[in-house]
Amino acid sequence: MVHQGELLIGGHFIGGACDQATGKQVVKSPWNGSVVGVAAEGGFSELKGCVDAASDAFETWRFSPRHERQKLLRRFAAQVRERREDLALL
């Protein structure tokens, strides 16, 4: 298991690149009020960047052979299962 701080990104991860966010938001557990982590704040430009990156990725993804997409999704699912405890912290 990794430590909580190792799971956090200090900015926005958009289109395969990470930038430094100017604003941060402390995230607290609704269960007990403890600090779970710190999230990067974003605005319209970050949202637009996310939508544009997703649209660009879809153009490549939709023409990928079905067996390649299946292989990638199965590998992703295996990694999620393998790291489920770390992901639960998020």
Protein backbone atom coordinates (compact mmCIF):
# COMPACT_ATOMS: atom_id res chain seq x y z
CA MET A 1 0.00 0.00 0.00
CA VAL A 2 1.22 3.52 -0.74
CA HIS A 3 1.01 6.50 1.57
CA GLN A 4 -1.79 8.95 0.96
CA GLY A 5 0.53 11.74 -0.23
CA GLU A 6 1.91 9.53 -2.99
CA LEU A 7 -1.53 9.24 -4.58
CA LEU A 8 -2.03 12.96 -5.05
CA ILE A 9 -1.28 15.05 -8.13
CA GLY A 10 -0.34 18.66 -7.46
CA GLY A 11 -2.19 20.00 -10.46
CA HIS A 12 -4.39 19.08 -13.38
CA PHE A 13 -3.68 15.98 -15.45
CA ILE A 14 -5.13 16.84 -18.85
CA GLY A 15 -4.24 15.30 -22.19
CA GLY A 16 -1.29 13.38 -20.79
CA ALA A 17 0.36 16.38 -19.13
CA CYS A 18 0.31 17.60 -15.54
CA ASP A 19 0.38 21.30 -14.66
CA GLN A 20 0.51 23.09 -11.33
CA ALA A 21 -2.84 24.31 -10.08
CA THR A 22 -3.01 27.78 -8.58
CA GLY A 23 -5.87 26.90 -6.25
CA LYS A 24 -6.25 23.93 -3.93
CA GLN A 25 -9.29 22.53 -2.14
CA VAL A 26 -9.00 20.51 1.06
CA VAL A 27 -11.13 17.37 0.82
CA LYS A 28 -12.61 16.04 4.05
CA SER A 29 -14.27 12.72 4.74
CA PRO A 30 -18.03 13.10 5.18
CA TRP A 31 -17.86 10.18 7.58
CA ASN A 32 -15.56 11.62 10.24
CA GLY A 33 -14.38 15.02 8.97
CA SER A 34 -10.74 13.96 8.66
CA VAL A 35 -8.69 15.41 5.81
CA VAL A 36 -8.59 12.90 2.96
CA GLY A 37 -6.40 14.96 0.66
CA VAL A 38 -6.02 18.11 -1.37
CA ALA A 39 -7.51 18.53 -4.84
CA ALA A 40 -6.53 20.99 -7.53
CA GLU A 41 -9.16 23.60 -8.31
CA GLY A 42 -9.98 24.32 -11.92
CA GLY A 43 -12.07 26.64 -14.00
CA PHE A 44 -13.53 26.87 -17.47
CA SER A 45 -10.16 26.66 -19.27
CA GLU A 46 -9.30 23.40 -17.47
CA LEU A 47 -12.75 22.01 -18.22
CA LYS A 48 -12.39 22.94 -21.90
CA GLY A 49 -8.95 21.31 -21.96
CA CYS A 50 -10.44 18.09 -20.54
CA VAL A 51 -13.26 18.02 -23.08
CA ASP A 52 -10.89 18.76 -25.98
CA ALA A 53 -8.44 16.05 -24.85
CA ALA A 54 -11.26 13.51 -24.52
CA SER A 55 -12.58 14.42 -27.96
CA ASP A 56 -9.11 14.05 -29.51
CA ALA A 57 -8.58 10.69 -27.78
CA PHE A 58 -11.94 9.43 -29.02
CA GLU A 59 -10.95 10.09 -32.63
CA THR A 60 -8.07 7.62 -32.27
CA TRP A 61 -9.88 5.18 -29.96
CA ARG A 62 -12.96 4.71 -32.12
CA PHE A 63 -10.91 3.47 -35.07
CA SER A 64 -8.86 1.05 -32.96
CA PRO A 65 -9.58 -2.63 -33.64
CA ARG A 66 -12.05 -4.15 -31.20
CA HIS A 67 -9.56 -6.75 -29.95
CA GLU A 68 -7.04 -3.99 -29.12
CA ARG A 69 -9.63 -2.01 -27.15
CA GLN A 70 -10.65 -5.18 -25.34
CA LYS A 71 -7.04 -5.97 -24.45
CA LEU A 72 -6.47 -2.46 -23.06
CA LEU A 73 -9.68 -2.49 -21.04
CA ARG A 74 -8.90 -5.91 -19.56
CA ARG A 75 -5.41 -4.74 -18.59
CA PHE A 76 -6.88 -1.60 -17.02
CA ALA A 77 -9.43 -3.69 -15.08
CA ALA A 78 -6.65 -5.95 -13.79
CA GLN A 79 -4.66 -2.94 -12.59
CA VAL A 80 -7.73 -1.50 -10.85
CA ARG A 81 -8.27 -4.82 -9.05
CA GLU A 82 -4.58 -4.97 -8.13
CA ARG A 83 -4.57 -1.41 -6.70
CA ARG A 84 -8.09 -1.44 -5.22
CA GLU A 85 -6.89 -0.62 -1.70
CA ASP A 86 -4.95 2.42 -2.90
CA LEU A 87 -7.85 3.54 -5.09
CA ALA A 88 -10.24 3.22 -2.16
CA LEU A 89 -8.27 5.97 -0.41
CA LEU A 90 -9.15 8.37 -3.18
